Amino acid sequence: EICKLRAARRIWATVMRDRYKAKNPRSWLMRTHVQTAGCSLTEQQPLNNIIRVAYQAMAGVLGGCQSLHTDSFDETLGLPTEQAVTIALRTQQIIAHETGVTRTVDPLGGSHFVEGLTDEMEADANQIIKEVDDMGGVVAGINKGYFRRSIAEAAYRYGQEIEASDRIIVGVNEYID
């Protein structure tokens, strides 16, 4: 997730500068909002979702988001309880005030591992952009079902990985009470 956000920022700057010939460097900046992934929350052991939300929130911050929403741990069960909403808020506050990650613009900048993953993700994203351009752009891609198909295929692969235990989801397909 960190690398996705970092790659998106780099691609945005390149597109704004090179494709759209933006002259003002401020227009090359990408403002980002991150919301933790509600689809990753599980109902089987909802307290595990506190940890999921915390590491997803930290990934967003490490990736450079300017705005963050943290899901409540019990959203898979219905409307969030007041306790769950408070824990979601405290997760943001702890990250902001106790971890030190907000004291630098890019806490992971210079990490060979993270930079390598970001480069790889940027290359993959540029390949997708090229595919969309080659089919005639976003509207053509929508009309041809490209995006719907890509999302469905990714969701199917994800489900298959869980079913085969190639992807462990704690409390769902492993470490079940």
Protein backbone atom coordinates (compact mmCIF):
# COMPACT_ATOMS: atom_id res chain seq x y z
CA GLU A 1 0.00 0.00 0.00
CA ILE A 2 2.84 2.36 0.79
CA CYS A 3 4.39 1.73 -2.61
CA LYS A 4 1.06 2.14 -4.42
CA LEU A 5 0.62 5.61 -2.99
CA ARG A 6 4.24 6.59 -3.66
CA ALA A 7 4.05 5.26 -7.25
CA ALA A 8 0.77 7.12 -7.84
CA ARG A 9 2.37 10.37 -6.69
CA ARG A 10 5.31 9.92 -9.07
CA ILE A 11 3.06 8.99 -11.99
CA TRP A 12 0.79 11.98 -11.31
CA ALA A 13 3.74 14.39 -11.35
CA THR A 14 5.05 12.93 -14.60
CA VAL A 15 1.64 13.00 -16.28
CA MET A 16 0.93 16.57 -15.20
CA ARG A 17 4.38 17.78 -16.29
CA ASP A 18 4.91 15.76 -19.49
CA ARG A 19 1.49 14.88 -20.86
CA TYR A 20 -0.41 18.02 -19.89
CA LYS A 21 2.61 20.39 -20.00
CA ALA A 22 1.84 21.88 -16.58
CA LYS A 23 4.41 24.58 -15.85
CA ASN A 24 3.72 25.25 -12.17
CA PRO A 25 5.34 22.58 -9.95
CA ARG A 26 2.50 23.03 -7.44
CA SER A 27 0.13 21.55 -10.04
CA TRP A 28 2.33 18.44 -10.15
CA LEU A 29 1.48 17.64 -6.53
CA MET A 30 -1.14 15.00 -5.83
CA ARG A 31 -3.33 15.45 -2.79
CA THR A 32 -4.34 12.08 -1.43
CA HIS A 33 -6.99 10.81 0.91
CA VAL A 34 -6.68 7.29 2.27
CA GLN A 35 -9.45 5.18 3.73
CA THR A 36 -8.62 1.87 5.31
CA ALA A 37 -9.98 -1.11 3.40
CA GLY A 38 -13.41 -2.05 4.66
CA CYS A 39 -13.30 -5.10 2.41
CA SER A 40 -10.40 -6.46 4.49
CA LEU A 41 -12.43 -6.44 7.70
CA THR A 42 -13.76 -9.79 8.86
CA GLU A 43 -16.77 -10.61 10.96
CA GLN A 44 -15.41 -13.88 12.36
CA GLN A 45 -13.04 -12.24 14.86
CA PRO A 46 -13.84 -8.51 14.70
CA LEU A 47 -11.24 -7.41 17.25
CA ASN A 48 -8.55 -8.50 14.77
CA ASN A 49 -9.82 -5.66 12.59
CA ILE A 50 -8.30 -3.15 15.02
CA ILE A 51 -4.85 -4.36 13.99
CA ARG A 52 -5.79 -4.44 10.30
CA VAL A 53 -7.02 -0.86 10.41
CA ALA A 54 -3.93 0.29 12.33
CA TYR A 55 -1.39 -1.11 9.89
CA GLN A 56 -3.41 0.08 6.88
CA ALA A 57 -3.58 3.57 8.39
CA MET A 58 0.17 3.52 9.05
CA ALA A 59 0.78 2.41 5.45
CA GLY A 60 -1.25 5.39 4.22
CA VAL A 61 0.72 7.80 6.39
CA LEU A 62 4.06 6.27 5.36
CA GLY A 63 2.93 6.58 1.75
CA GLY A 64 2.34 10.31 2.20
CA CYS A 65 -1.42 10.78 2.49
CA GLN A 66 -2.70 14.17 3.61
CA SER A 67 -6.08 12.91 4.79
CA LEU A 68 -7.02 9.66 6.50
CA HIS A 69 -10.19 7.81 7.44
CA THR A 70 -9.95 4.75 9.65
CA ASP A 71 -12.76 2.20 9.55
CA SER A 72 -14.29 0.91 12.77
CA PHE A 73 -13.49 -2.66 13.71
CA ASP A 74 -17.12 -3.73 13.90
CA GLU A 75 -18.38 -2.35 10.58
CA THR A 76 -18.81 -5.87 9.20
CA LEU A 77 -21.44 -6.50 11.88
CA GLY A 78 -23.55 -3.37 11.30
CA LEU A 79 -23.36 0.28 12.21
CA PRO A 80 -20.21 0.99 14.24
CA THR A 81 -20.54 1.23 17.99
CA GLU A 82 -19.36 4.32 19.86
CA GLN A 83 -16.46 2.30 21.30
CA ALA A 84 -15.36 1.16 17.83
CA VAL A 85 -15.53 4.72 16.46
CA THR A 86 -13.40 5.95 19.37
CA ILE A 87 -10.80 3.23 18.75
CA ALA A 88 -10.67 4.21 15.06
CA LEU A 89 -10.10 7.84 16.05
CA ARG A 90 -7.48 6.92 18.67
CA THR A 91 -5.67 4.88 16.00
CA GLN A 92 -5.21 8.06 13.96
CA GLN A 93 -4.20 10.08 17.00
CA ILE A 94 -1.61 7.52 18.14
CA ILE A 95 -0.08 7.40 14.67
CA ALA A 96 0.00 11.20 14.48
CA HIS A 97 1.40 11.89 17.95
CA GLU A 98 3.26 8.84 19.18
CA THR A 99 5.05 7.24 16.21
CA GLY A 100 7.08 10.16 14.87
CA VAL A 101 6.18 9.44 11.23
CA THR A 102 4.70 12.88 10.74
CA ARG A 103 8.03 14.56 11.51
CA THR A 104 9.37 13.93 8.00
CA VAL A 105 7.89 14.21 4.51
CA ASP A 106 8.95 10.76 3.34
CA PRO A 107 9.89 8.52 6.29
CA LEU A 108 10.79 5.60 4.02
CA GLY A 109 12.59 7.62 1.35
CA GLY A 110 15.95 6.09 0.52
CA SER A 111 14.99 2.58 1.60
CA HIS A 112 16.28 0.37 -1.20
CA PHE A 113 13.51 -2.14 -0.57
CA VAL A 114 10.69 0.42 -0.64
CA GLU A 115 12.19 2.35 -3.55
CA GLY A 116 12.51 -0.90 -5.54
CA LEU A 117 8.91 -1.87 -4.85
CA THR A 118 7.78 1.63 -5.77
CA ASP A 119 9.70 1.48 -9.06
CA GLU A 120 8.14 -1.91 -9.84
CA MET A 121 4.65 -0.68 -9.04
CA GLU A 122 5.19 2.48 -11.09
CA ALA A 123 6.25 0.37 -14.09
CA ASP A 124 3.18 -1.86 -13.70
CA ALA A 125 0.90 1.18 -13.42
CA ASN A 126 2.45 2.77 -16.51
CA GLN A 127 1.79 -0.48 -18.41
CA ILE A 128 -1.90 -0.29 -17.41
CA ILE A 129 -2.02 3.38 -18.47
CA LYS A 130 -0.53 2.37 -21.84
CA GLU A 131 -3.16 -0.38 -22.26
CA VAL A 132 -5.94 2.12 -21.53
CA ASP A 133 -4.42 4.65 -23.93
CA ASP A 134 -4.06 1.97 -26.63
CA MET A 135 -7.75 1.05 -26.35
CA GLY A 136 -8.73 4.67 -26.83
CA GLY A 137 -8.79 6.08 -23.30
CA VAL A 138 -10.83 5.69 -20.15
CA VAL A 139 -14.27 6.02 -21.75
CA ALA A 140 -13.39 3.36 -24.32
CA GLY A 141 -12.04 1.18 -21.51
CA ILE A 142 -15.31 1.53 -19.62
CA ASN A 143 -17.34 0.73 -22.72
CA LYS A 144 -15.20 -2.35 -23.41
CA GLY A 145 -15.58 -3.57 -19.82
CA TYR A 146 -11.83 -3.32 -19.17
CA PHE A 147 -12.08 -1.90 -15.65
CA ARG A 148 -14.99 -4.07 -14.51
CA ARG A 149 -13.21 -7.17 -15.86
CA SER A 150 -9.89 -6.24 -14.22
CA ILE A 151 -11.53 -5.68 -10.84
CA ALA A 152 -13.54 -8.92 -11.10
CA GLU A 153 -10.44 -10.92 -12.06
CA ALA A 154 -8.46 -9.49 -9.14
CA ALA A 155 -11.30 -10.23 -6.70
CA TYR A 156 -11.59 -13.78 -8.05
CA ARG A 157 -7.82 -14.38 -7.68
CA TYR A 158 -7.94 -12.99 -4.13
CA GLY A 159 -10.83 -15.30 -3.20
CA GLN A 160 -9.07 -18.30 -4.75
CA GLU A 161 -5.90 -17.53 -2.77
CA ILE A 162 -7.90 -17.46 0.46
CA GLU A 163 -9.75 -20.68 -0.37
CA ALA A 164 -6.49 -22.48 -1.18
CA SER A 165 -4.81 -21.01 1.95
CA ASP A 166 -2.20 -19.39 -0.29
CA ARG A 167 -3.25 -16.15 1.41
CA ILE A 168 -3.79 -16.42 5.14
CA ILE A 169 -6.54 -14.31 6.68
CA VAL A 170 -6.19 -14.67 10.44
CA GLY A 171 -9.44 -15.83 12.01
CA VAL A 172 -10.97 -16.75 8.63
CA ASN A 173 -8.93 -19.52 7.04
CA GLU A 174 -6.25 -19.93 9.76
CA TYR A 175 -6.09 -19.48 13.54
CA ILE A 176 -9.82 -20.03 13.83
CA ASP A 177 -11.33 -20.19 17.31
